[in-house]
Amino acid sequence: MGEGHEKRRTSVTIYGQQYTIVGEHPPEHVKKVAALVDRKMKELKNNNPYLDSNKLAVLTAVNAVNDYLLLLEKLDKVQKDEDL
């Protein structure tokens, strides 16, 4: 591992489960990500009360990746518009 990339451990709670996230990002960032995942899981569960936790987790991941891809498309469009 390169210099300046110290691993940090951050404890978070997502959908009632405790996790320790190990990574290079500051704890504030990790907690923000966890809070967004927790909120999305609760939102999806509210709309789909019969989903079990595994299906809920997969649906949350699908939604997150979808949002990510839509943002990449918007970024690509903005970059292309700036090049004109």
C-alpha atoms as a PDB file:
ATOM      1  CA  MET A   1       0.000   0.000   0.000  1.00  0.00           C
ATOM      2  CA  GLY A   2       1.242   3.504  -0.826  1.00  0.00           C
ATOM      3  CA  GLU A   3       2.237   6.153   1.651  1.00  0.00           C
ATOM      4  CA  GLY A   4      -0.452   8.282   3.259  1.00  0.00           C
ATOM      5  CA  HIS A   5      -3.140   5.622   2.921  1.00  0.00           C
ATOM      6  CA  GLU A   6      -3.800   4.748   6.527  1.00  0.00           C
ATOM      7  CA  LYS A   7      -6.634   2.280   7.133  1.00  0.00           C
ATOM      8  CA  ARG A   8      -9.300   3.472   9.524  1.00  0.00           C
ATOM      9  CA  ARG A   9     -12.019   1.520  11.305  1.00  0.00           C
ATOM     10  CA  THR A  10     -15.445   3.117  11.601  1.00  0.00           C
ATOM     11  CA  SER A  11     -18.430   1.535  13.360  1.00  0.00           C
ATOM     12  CA  VAL A  12     -21.818   2.173  11.771  1.00  0.00           C
ATOM     13  CA  THR A  13     -25.348   0.831  12.052  1.00  0.00           C
ATOM     14  CA  ILE A  14     -27.250   0.008   8.886  1.00  0.00           C
ATOM     15  CA  TYR A  15     -30.801  -1.312   9.090  1.00  0.00           C
ATOM     16  CA  GLY A  16     -30.329  -2.322  12.716  1.00  0.00           C
ATOM     17  CA  GLN A  17     -27.063  -4.196  12.133  1.00  0.00           C
ATOM     18  CA  GLN A  18     -23.684  -3.055  13.431  1.00  0.00           C
ATOM     19  CA  TYR A  19     -20.789  -3.019  10.934  1.00  0.00           C
ATOM     20  CA  THR A  20     -17.139  -2.048  11.165  1.00  0.00           C
ATOM     21  CA  ILE A  21     -16.035  -0.457   7.909  1.00  0.00           C
ATOM     22  CA  VAL A  22     -12.303  -0.514   7.227  1.00  0.00           C
ATOM     23  CA  GLY A  23     -10.960   1.916   4.665  1.00  0.00           C
ATOM     24  CA  GLU A  24      -9.042   5.082   3.943  1.00  0.00           C
ATOM     25  CA  HIS A  25     -11.959   7.527   4.086  1.00  0.00           C
ATOM     26  CA  PRO A  26     -12.582   9.731   7.120  1.00  0.00           C
ATOM     27  CA  PRO A  27     -15.157   8.433   9.624  1.00  0.00           C
ATOM     28  CA  GLU A  28     -17.508  11.321   8.760  1.00  0.00           C
ATOM     29  CA  HIS A  29     -17.631  10.157   5.142  1.00  0.00           C
ATOM     30  CA  VAL A  30     -18.205   6.511   6.084  1.00  0.00           C
ATOM     31  CA  LYS A  31     -20.993   7.502   8.485  1.00  0.00           C
ATOM     32  CA  LYS A  32     -22.636   9.644   5.798  1.00  0.00           C
ATOM     33  CA  VAL A  33     -22.555   6.723   3.343  1.00  0.00           C
ATOM     34  CA  ALA A  34     -23.970   4.362   5.978  1.00  0.00           C
ATOM     35  CA  ALA A  35     -26.752   6.818   6.822  1.00  0.00           C
ATOM     36  CA  LEU A  36     -27.729   7.059   3.151  1.00  0.00           C
ATOM     37  CA  VAL A  37     -27.791   3.261   2.796  1.00  0.00           C
ATOM     38  CA  ASP A  38     -29.820   2.949   6.005  1.00  0.00           C
ATOM     39  CA  ARG A  39     -32.312   5.579   4.837  1.00  0.00           C
ATOM     40  CA  LYS A  40     -32.683   3.929   1.402  1.00  0.00           C
ATOM     41  CA  MET A  41     -33.218   0.488   2.941  1.00  0.00           C
ATOM     42  CA  LYS A  42     -35.913   1.851   5.260  1.00  0.00           C
ATOM     43  CA  GLU A  43     -37.566   3.696   2.368  1.00  0.00           C
ATOM     44  CA  LEU A  44     -37.611   0.567   0.197  1.00  0.00           C
ATOM     45  CA  LYS A  45     -38.878  -1.588   3.079  1.00  0.00           C
ATOM     46  CA  ASN A  46     -41.661   0.913   3.675  1.00  0.00           C
ATOM     47  CA  ASN A  47     -42.709   0.555   0.024  1.00  0.00           C
ATOM     48  CA  ASN A  48     -42.182  -3.249  -0.024  1.00  0.00           C
ATOM     49  CA  PRO A  49     -42.995  -4.536   3.493  1.00  0.00           C
ATOM     50  CA  TYR A  50     -42.728  -8.215   2.550  1.00  0.00           C
ATOM     51  CA  LEU A  51     -39.103  -8.111   1.348  1.00  0.00           C
ATOM     52  CA  ASP A  52     -36.659 -10.100   3.451  1.00  0.00           C
ATOM     53  CA  SER A  53     -33.356  -8.482   4.442  1.00  0.00           C
ATOM     54  CA  ASN A  54     -31.320 -10.142   1.670  1.00  0.00           C
ATOM     55  CA  LYS A  55     -33.676  -9.040  -1.094  1.00  0.00           C
ATOM     56  CA  LEU A  56     -33.901  -5.602   0.485  1.00  0.00           C
ATOM     57  CA  ALA A  57     -30.096  -5.319   0.482  1.00  0.00           C
ATOM     58  CA  VAL A  58     -29.892  -6.331  -3.190  1.00  0.00           C
ATOM     59  CA  LEU A  59     -32.667  -3.917  -4.144  1.00  0.00           C
ATOM     60  CA  THR A  60     -30.858  -1.147  -2.258  1.00  0.00           C
ATOM     61  CA  ALA A  61     -27.621  -1.953  -4.115  1.00  0.00           C
ATOM     62  CA  VAL A  62     -29.444  -1.944  -7.473  1.00  0.00           C
ATOM     63  CA  ASN A  63     -30.954   1.450  -6.663  1.00  0.00           C
ATOM     64  CA  ALA A  64     -27.575   2.852  -5.581  1.00  0.00           C
ATOM     65  CA  VAL A  65     -25.814   1.641  -8.728  1.00  0.00           C
ATOM     66  CA  ASN A  66     -28.662   2.981 -10.867  1.00  0.00           C
ATOM     67  CA  ASP A  67     -28.306   6.408  -9.219  1.00  0.00           C
ATOM     68  CA  TYR A  68     -24.536   6.242  -9.742  1.00  0.00           C
ATOM     69  CA  LEU A  69     -24.881   5.417 -13.451  1.00  0.00           C
ATOM     70  CA  LEU A  70     -27.417   8.212 -13.955  1.00  0.00           C
ATOM     71  CA  LEU A  71     -24.992  10.666 -12.339  1.00  0.00           C
ATOM     72  CA  LEU A  72     -22.163   9.442 -14.581  1.00  0.00           C
ATOM     73  CA  GLU A  73     -24.383  10.005 -17.627  1.00  0.00           C
ATOM     74  CA  LYS A  74     -25.202  13.541 -16.449  1.00  0.00           C
ATOM     75  CA  LEU A  75     -21.531  14.265 -15.807  1.00  0.00           C
ATOM     76  CA  ASP A  76     -20.602  12.959 -19.252  1.00  0.00           C
ATOM     77  CA  LYS A  77     -23.281  15.171 -20.836  1.00  0.00           C
ATOM     78  CA  VAL A  78     -22.088  18.252 -18.937  1.00  0.00           C
ATOM     79  CA  GLN A  79     -18.481  17.559 -19.956  1.00  0.00           C
ATOM     80  CA  LYS A  80     -19.493  17.146 -23.603  1.00  0.00           C
ATOM     81  CA  ASP A  81     -21.544  20.367 -23.472  1.00  0.00           C
ATOM     82  CA  GLU A  82     -18.505  22.234 -22.071  1.00  0.00           C
ATOM     83  CA  ASP A  83     -16.374  20.955 -24.950  1.00  0.00           C
ATOM     84  CA  LEU A  84     -18.706  22.512 -27.511  1.00  0.00           C
END
